[in-house]
Amino acid sequence: MATVLLDVVTAERSVFHGDVNMVLVPGALGQIGILPHHAPLMTMIEPGELIIRMGEEEIILAVSGGFVEVTPSV
């Protein structure tokens, strides 16, 4: 199964780093689903829940804002 490398970083520290199956991000116009091979993207994050899915496991992080950047696979 394909994965995407996710880094969640705050001003103080790295909160999460690892390969995941999907990320759901609260965006300005609604929730954005990011899957492996997603097109490059940069957008603002709104306050809400950042949902990380790894197989059957789900991690939910509260976010107060920021931005998300999706870059091409290398």
PDB file of N, CA and C in Angstrom:
ATOM      1  N   MET A   1       0.840  -1.171   0.000  1.00  0.00           N
ATOM      2  CA  MET A   1       0.000   0.000   0.000  1.00  0.00           C
ATOM      3  C   MET A   1       0.889   1.240   0.000  1.00  0.00           C
ATOM      4  N   ALA A   2       0.546   2.200  -0.825  1.00  0.00           N
ATOM      5  CA  ALA A   2       1.323   3.436  -0.925  1.00  0.00           C
ATOM      6  C   ALA A   2       1.134   4.293   0.319  1.00  0.00           C
ATOM      7  N   THR A   3       2.164   5.050   0.640  1.00  0.00           N
ATOM      8  CA  THR A   3       2.112   5.937   1.800  1.00  0.00           C
ATOM      9  C   THR A   3       2.625   7.316   1.409  1.00  0.00           C
ATOM     10  N   VAL A   4       2.399   8.253   2.297  1.00  0.00           N
ATOM     11  CA  VAL A   4       2.909   9.611   2.138  1.00  0.00           C
ATOM     12  C   VAL A   4       3.673   9.945   3.420  1.00  0.00           C
ATOM     13  N   LEU A   5       4.820  10.600   3.289  1.00  0.00           N
ATOM     14  CA  LEU A   5       5.608  11.007   4.454  1.00  0.00           C
ATOM     15  C   LEU A   5       4.998  12.274   5.038  1.00  0.00           C
ATOM     16  N   LEU A   6       4.674  12.230   6.327  1.00  0.00           N
ATOM     17  CA  LEU A   6       4.031  13.359   7.001  1.00  0.00           C
ATOM     18  C   LEU A   6       4.930  13.889   8.102  1.00  0.00           C
ATOM     19  N   ASP A   7       5.122  15.193   8.111  1.00  0.00           N
ATOM     20  CA  ASP A   7       5.816  15.897   9.200  1.00  0.00           C
ATOM     21  C   ASP A   7       4.853  16.935   9.753  1.00  0.00           C
ATOM     22  N   VAL A   8       4.547  16.851  11.049  1.00  0.00           N
ATOM     23  CA  VAL A   8       3.736  17.858  11.727  1.00  0.00           C
ATOM     24  C   VAL A   8       4.686  18.579  12.678  1.00  0.00           C
ATOM     25  N   VAL A   9       4.862  19.874  12.449  1.00  0.00           N
ATOM     26  CA  VAL A   9       5.848  20.649  13.186  1.00  0.00           C
ATOM     27  C   VAL A   9       5.192  21.889  13.787  1.00  0.00           C
ATOM     28  N   THR A  10       5.511  22.178  15.052  1.00  0.00           N
ATOM     29  CA  THR A  10       5.083  23.417  15.693  1.00  0.00           C
ATOM     30  C   THR A  10       6.298  24.320  15.824  1.00  0.00           C
ATOM     31  N   ALA A  11       6.109  25.505  16.360  1.00  0.00           N
ATOM     32  CA  ALA A  11       7.235  26.412  16.590  1.00  0.00           C
ATOM     33  C   ALA A  11       8.214  25.849  17.609  1.00  0.00           C
ATOM     34  N   GLU A  12       7.726  24.982  18.504  1.00  0.00           N
ATOM     35  CA  GLU A  12       8.563  24.440  19.568  1.00  0.00           C
ATOM     36  C   GLU A  12       9.229  23.112  19.227  1.00  0.00           C
ATOM     37  N   ARG A  13       8.513  22.227  18.468  1.00  0.00           N
ATOM     38  CA  ARG A  13       9.070  20.890  18.258  1.00  0.00           C
ATOM     39  C   ARG A  13       8.347  20.152  17.133  1.00  0.00           C
ATOM     40  N   SER A  14       8.912  19.008  16.774  1.00  0.00           N
ATOM     41  CA  SER A  14       8.262  18.104  15.835  1.00  0.00           C
ATOM     42  C   SER A  14       7.251  17.266  16.611  1.00  0.00           C
ATOM     43  N   VAL A  15       6.010  17.234  16.148  1.00  0.00           N
ATOM     44  CA  VAL A  15       4.941  16.516  16.835  1.00  0.00           C
ATOM     45  C   VAL A  15       4.748  15.118  16.242  1.00  0.00           C
ATOM     46  N   PHE A  16       4.925  14.986  14.926  1.00  0.00           N
ATOM     47  CA  PHE A  16       4.731  13.699  14.264  1.00  0.00           C
ATOM     48  C   PHE A  16       5.636  13.637  13.049  1.00  0.00           C
ATOM     49  N   HIS A  17       6.226  12.453  12.812  1.00  0.00           N
ATOM     50  CA  HIS A  17       7.026  12.208  11.614  1.00  0.00           C
ATOM     51  C   HIS A  17       6.859  10.740  11.258  1.00  0.00           C
ATOM     52  N   GLY A  18       6.369  10.454  10.068  1.00  0.00           N
ATOM     53  CA  GLY A  18       6.232   9.067   9.661  1.00  0.00           C
ATOM     54  C   GLY A  18       5.424   8.910   8.387  1.00  0.00           C
ATOM     55  N   ASP A  19       5.417   7.676   7.884  1.00  0.00           N
ATOM     56  CA  ASP A  19       4.653   7.344   6.687  1.00  0.00           C
ATOM     57  C   ASP A  19       3.218   7.029   7.075  1.00  0.00           C
ATOM     58  N   VAL A  20       2.273   7.627   6.359  1.00  0.00           N
ATOM     59  CA  VAL A  20       0.847   7.453   6.654  1.00  0.00           C
ATOM     60  C   VAL A  20       0.097   7.132   5.365  1.00  0.00           C
ATOM     61  N   ASN A  21      -1.130   6.609   5.518  1.00  0.00           N
ATOM     62  CA  ASN A  21      -1.962   6.299   4.361  1.00  0.00           C
ATOM     63  C   ASN A  21      -2.780   7.490   3.896  1.00  0.00           C
ATOM     64  N   MET A  22      -3.184   8.350   4.854  1.00  0.00           N
ATOM     65  CA  MET A  22      -4.015   9.500   4.510  1.00  0.00           C
ATOM     66  C   MET A  22      -3.966  10.534   5.625  1.00  0.00           C
ATOM     67  N   VAL A  23      -4.116  11.791   5.241  1.00  0.00           N
ATOM     68  CA  VAL A  23      -4.199  12.894   6.196  1.00  0.00           C
ATOM     69  C   VAL A  23      -5.422  13.729   5.834  1.00  0.00           C
ATOM     70  N   LEU A  24      -6.220  14.068   6.828  1.00  0.00           N
ATOM     71  CA  LEU A  24      -7.357  14.964   6.639  1.00  0.00           C
ATOM     72  C   LEU A  24      -7.040  16.267   7.360  1.00  0.00           C
ATOM     73  N   VAL A  25      -7.058  17.357   6.618  1.00  0.00           N
ATOM     74  CA  VAL A  25      -6.632  18.664   7.118  1.00  0.00           C
ATOM     75  C   VAL A  25      -7.807  19.640   7.061  1.00  0.00           C
ATOM     76  N   PRO A  26      -8.046  20.406   8.146  1.00  0.00           N
ATOM     77  CA  PRO A  26      -9.106  21.416   8.087  1.00  0.00           C
ATOM     78  C   PRO A  26      -8.629  22.649   7.301  1.00  0.00           C
ATOM     79  N   GLY A  27      -9.139  22.800   6.101  1.00  0.00           N
ATOM     80  CA  GLY A  27      -8.739  23.922   5.251  1.00  0.00           C
ATOM     81  C   GLY A  27      -9.746  25.056   5.297  1.00  0.00           C
ATOM     82  N   ALA A  28      -9.418  26.150   4.654  1.00  0.00           N
ATOM     83  CA  ALA A  28     -10.272  27.336   4.657  1.00  0.00           C
ATOM     84  C   ALA A  28     -11.627  27.072   4.014  1.00  0.00           C
ATOM     85  N   LEU A  29     -11.683  26.186   3.016  1.00  0.00           N
ATOM     86  CA  LEU A  29     -12.942  25.899   2.320  1.00  0.00           C
ATOM     87  C   LEU A  29     -13.510  24.531   2.689  1.00  0.00           C
ATOM     88  N   GLY A  30     -13.004  23.934   3.752  1.00  0.00           N
ATOM     89  CA  GLY A  30     -13.481  22.625   4.180  1.00  0.00           C
ATOM     90  C   GLY A  30     -12.325  21.662   4.378  1.00  0.00           C
ATOM     91  N   GLN A  31     -12.657  20.413   4.648  1.00  0.00           N
ATOM     92  CA  GLN A  31     -11.648  19.408   4.929  1.00  0.00           C
ATOM     93  C   GLN A  31     -10.958  18.960   3.642  1.00  0.00           C
ATOM     94  N   ILE A  32      -9.620  18.837   3.706  1.00  0.00           N
ATOM     95  CA  ILE A  32      -8.824  18.423   2.561  1.00  0.00           C
ATOM     96  C   ILE A  32      -8.259  17.047   2.860  1.00  0.00           C
ATOM     97  N   GLY A  33      -8.491  16.092   1.967  1.00  0.00           N
ATOM     98  CA  GLY A  33      -7.929  14.761   2.106  1.00  0.00           C
ATOM     99  C   GLY A  33      -6.662  14.650   1.275  1.00  0.00           C
ATOM    100  N   ILE A  34      -5.574  14.226   1.899  1.00  0.00           N
ATOM    101  CA  ILE A  34      -4.303  14.087   1.199  1.00  0.00           C
ATOM    102  C   ILE A  34      -3.925  12.616   1.201  1.00  0.00           C
ATOM    103  N   LEU A  35      -3.805  12.068   0.012  1.00  0.00           N
ATOM    104  CA  LEU A  35      -3.445  10.672  -0.204  1.00  0.00           C
ATOM    105  C   LEU A  35      -2.085  10.614  -0.905  1.00  0.00           C
ATOM    106  N   PRO A  36      -1.458   9.427  -0.957  1.00  0.00           N
ATOM    107  CA  PRO A  36      -0.201   9.308  -1.703  1.00  0.00           C
ATOM    108  C   PRO A  36      -0.384   9.779  -3.153  1.00  0.00           C
ATOM    109  N   HIS A  37       0.634  10.405  -3.708  1.00  0.00           N
ATOM    110  CA  HIS A  37       0.670  10.929  -5.087  1.00  0.00           C
ATOM    111  C   HIS A  37      -0.252  12.127  -5.285  1.00  0.00           C
ATOM    112  N   HIS A  38      -0.588  12.831  -4.198  1.00  0.00           N
ATOM    113  CA  HIS A  38      -1.416  14.038  -4.292  1.00  0.00           C
ATOM    114  C   HIS A  38      -0.657  15.101  -5.083  1.00  0.00           C
ATOM    115  N   ALA A  39      -1.376  15.927  -5.797  1.00  0.00           N
ATOM    116  CA  ALA A  39      -0.765  17.030  -6.536  1.00  0.00           C
ATOM    117  C   ALA A  39      -0.129  18.012  -5.551  1.00  0.00           C
ATOM    118  N   PRO A  40       0.963  18.678  -5.957  1.00  0.00           N
ATOM    119  CA  PRO A  40       1.571  19.687  -5.082  1.00  0.00           C
ATOM    120  C   PRO A  40       0.536  20.740  -4.682  1.00  0.00           C
ATOM    121  N   LEU A  41       0.649  21.184  -3.418  1.00  0.00           N
ATOM    122  CA  LEU A  41      -0.368  22.072  -2.860  1.00  0.00           C
ATOM    123  C   LEU A  41       0.215  22.838  -1.685  1.00  0.00           C
ATOM    124  N   MET A  42      -0.204  24.076  -1.518  1.00  0.00           N
ATOM    125  CA  MET A  42       0.102  24.841  -0.316  1.00  0.00           C
ATOM    126  C   MET A  42      -1.138  25.651   0.022  1.00  0.00           C
ATOM    127  N   THR A  43      -1.616  25.506   1.270  1.00  0.00           N
ATOM    128  CA  THR A  43      -2.818  26.225   1.687  1.00  0.00           C
ATOM    129  C   THR A  43      -2.786  26.433   3.192  1.00  0.00           C
ATOM    130  N   MET A  44      -3.642  27.308   3.660  1.00  0.00           N
ATOM    131  CA  MET A  44      -3.750  27.599   5.086  1.00  0.00           C
ATOM    132  C   MET A  44      -4.545  26.502   5.796  1.00  0.00           C
ATOM    133  N   ILE A  45      -4.202  26.277   7.074  1.00  0.00           N
ATOM    134  CA  ILE A  45      -4.942  25.359   7.931  1.00  0.00           C
ATOM    135  C   ILE A  45      -5.800  26.195   8.868  1.00  0.00           C
ATOM    136  N   GLU A  46      -7.054  25.820   8.999  1.00  0.00           N
ATOM    137  CA  GLU A  46      -7.977  26.464   9.922  1.00  0.00           C
ATOM    138  C   GLU A  46      -7.975  25.708  11.248  1.00  0.00           C
ATOM    139  N   PRO A  47      -8.422  26.325  12.326  1.00  0.00           N
ATOM    140  CA  PRO A  47      -8.535  25.587  13.594  1.00  0.00           C
ATOM    141  C   PRO A  47      -9.475  24.390  13.437  1.00  0.00           C
ATOM    142  N   GLY A  48      -9.079  23.280  14.026  1.00  0.00           N
ATOM    143  CA  GLY A  48      -9.891  22.070  13.936  1.00  0.00           C
ATOM    144  C   GLY A  48      -9.068  20.834  14.243  1.00  0.00           C
ATOM    145  N   GLU A  49      -9.479  19.697  13.662  1.00  0.00           N
ATOM    146  CA  GLU A  49      -8.813  18.416  13.890  1.00  0.00           C
ATOM    147  C   GLU A  49      -8.025  17.998  12.661  1.00  0.00           C
ATOM    148  N   LEU A  50      -6.769  17.639  12.865  1.00  0.00           N
ATOM    149  CA  LEU A  50      -5.929  17.044  11.839  1.00  0.00           C
ATOM    150  C   LEU A  50      -5.997  15.541  12.086  1.00  0.00           C
ATOM    151  N   ILE A  51      -6.485  14.791  11.113  1.00  0.00           N
ATOM    152  CA  ILE A  51      -6.684  13.353  11.286  1.00  0.00           C
ATOM    153  C   ILE A  51      -5.653  12.609  10.449  1.00  0.00           C
ATOM    154  N   ILE A  52      -4.891  11.744  11.113  1.00  0.00           N
ATOM    155  CA  ILE A  52      -3.840  10.959  10.473  1.00  0.00           C
ATOM    156  C   ILE A  52      -4.292   9.504  10.472  1.00  0.00           C
ATOM    157  N   ARG A  53      -4.288   8.858   9.299  1.00  0.00           N
ATOM    158  CA  ARG A  53      -4.690   7.455   9.212  1.00  0.00           C
ATOM    159  C   ARG A  53      -3.508   6.614   8.743  1.00  0.00           C
ATOM    160  N   MET A  54      -3.226   5.576   9.527  1.00  0.00           N
ATOM    161  CA  MET A  54      -2.166   4.619   9.221  1.00  0.00           C
ATOM    162  C   MET A  54      -2.769   3.230   9.365  1.00  0.00           C
ATOM    163  N   GLY A  55      -3.184   2.633   8.251  1.00  0.00           N
ATOM    164  CA  GLY A  55      -3.857   1.339   8.318  1.00  0.00           C
ATOM    165  C   GLY A  55      -5.138   1.463   9.117  1.00  0.00           C
ATOM    166  N   GLU A  56      -5.270   0.652  10.162  1.00  0.00           N
ATOM    167  CA  GLU A  56      -6.457   0.688  11.018  1.00  0.00           C
ATOM    168  C   GLU A  56      -6.356   1.747  12.122  1.00  0.00           C
ATOM    169  N   GLU A  57      -5.157   2.298  12.324  1.00  0.00           N
ATOM    170  CA  GLU A  57      -4.924   3.273  13.400  1.00  0.00           C
ATOM    171  C   GLU A  57      -5.271   4.680  12.924  1.00  0.00           C
ATOM    172  N   GLU A  58      -5.827   5.472  13.836  1.00  0.00           N
ATOM    173  CA  GLU A  58      -6.167   6.864  13.549  1.00  0.00           C
ATOM    174  C   GLU A  58      -5.672   7.733  14.702  1.00  0.00           C
ATOM    175  N   ILE A  59      -4.945   8.792  14.352  1.00  0.00           N
ATOM    176  CA  ILE A  59      -4.444   9.758  15.342  1.00  0.00           C
ATOM    177  C   ILE A  59      -5.122  11.092  15.037  1.00  0.00           C
ATOM    178  N   ILE A  60      -5.654  11.724  16.073  1.00  0.00           N
ATOM    179  CA  ILE A  60      -6.309  13.026  15.898  1.00  0.00           C
ATOM    180  C   ILE A  60      -5.540  14.072  16.689  1.00  0.00           C
ATOM    181  N   LEU A  61      -5.132  15.133  16.002  1.00  0.00           N
ATOM    182  CA  LEU A  61      -4.417  16.240  16.629  1.00  0.00           C
ATOM    183  C   LEU A  61      -5.242  17.513  16.500  1.00  0.00           C
ATOM    184  N   ALA A  62      -5.301  18.296  17.562  1.00  0.00           N
ATOM    185  CA  ALA A  62      -5.958  19.602  17.504  1.00  0.00           C
ATOM    186  C   ALA A  62      -4.982  20.606  16.915  1.00  0.00           C
ATOM    187  N   VAL A  63      -5.445  21.386  15.947  1.00  0.00           N
ATOM    188  CA  VAL A  63      -4.611  22.423  15.345  1.00  0.00           C
ATOM    189  C   VAL A  63      -5.331  23.761  15.457  1.00  0.00           C
ATOM    190  N   SER A  64      -4.540  24.815  15.631  1.00  0.00           N
ATOM    191  CA  SER A  64      -5.132  26.147  15.765  1.00  0.00           C
ATOM    192  C   SER A  64      -4.886  27.012  14.540  1.00  0.00           C
ATOM    193  N   GLY A  65      -4.191  26.476  13.550  1.00  0.00           N
ATOM    194  CA  GLY A  65      -3.887  27.224  12.342  1.00  0.00           C
ATOM    195  C   GLY A  65      -2.548  26.797  11.800  1.00  0.00           C
ATOM    196  N   GLY A  66      -2.102  27.491  10.770  1.00  0.00           N
ATOM    197  CA  GLY A  66      -0.823  27.183  10.151  1.00  0.00           C
ATOM    198  C   GLY A  66      -0.983  27.000   8.660  1.00  0.00           C
ATOM    199  N   PHE A  67      -0.132  26.156   8.077  1.00  0.00           N
ATOM    200  CA  PHE A  67      -0.249  25.870   6.666  1.00  0.00           C
ATOM    201  C   PHE A  67       0.162  24.433   6.407  1.00  0.00           C
ATOM    202  N   VAL A  68      -0.260  23.928   5.263  1.00  0.00           N
ATOM    203  CA  VAL A  68       0.102  22.589   4.811  1.00  0.00           C
ATOM    204  C   VAL A  68       0.779  22.734   3.453  1.00  0.00           C
ATOM    205  N   GLU A  69       1.845  21.964   3.260  1.00  0.00           N
ATOM    206  CA  GLU A  69       2.548  21.946   1.985  1.00  0.00           C
ATOM    207  C   GLU A  69       2.691  20.500   1.531  1.00  0.00           C
ATOM    208  N   VAL A  70       2.198  20.204   0.337  1.00  0.00           N
ATOM    209  CA  VAL A  70       2.351  18.886  -0.258  1.00  0.00           C
ATOM    210  C   VAL A  70       3.362  19.046  -1.385  1.00  0.00           C
ATOM    211  N   THR A  71       4.443  18.263  -1.305  1.00  0.00           N
ATOM    212  CA  THR A  71       5.498  18.337  -2.322  1.00  0.00           C
ATOM    213  C   THR A  71       5.539  17.017  -3.086  1.00  0.00           C
ATOM    214  N   PRO A  72       6.080  17.035  -4.306  1.00  0.00           N
ATOM    215  CA  PRO A  72       6.155  15.800  -5.106  1.00  0.00           C
ATOM    216  C   PRO A  72       7.048  14.760  -4.421  1.00  0.00           C
ATOM    217  N   SER A  73       6.732  13.486  -4.669  1.00  0.00           N
ATOM    218  CA  SER A  73       7.587  12.411  -4.178  1.00  0.00           C
ATOM    219  C   SER A  73       8.932  12.489  -4.882  1.00  0.00           C
ATOM    220  N   VAL A  74       9.967  12.114  -4.170  1.00  0.00           N
ATOM    221  CA  VAL A  74      11.318  12.170  -4.762  1.00  0.00           C
ATOM    222  C   VAL A  74      11.745  10.789  -5.161  1.00  0.00           C
TER     223      VAL A  74
END
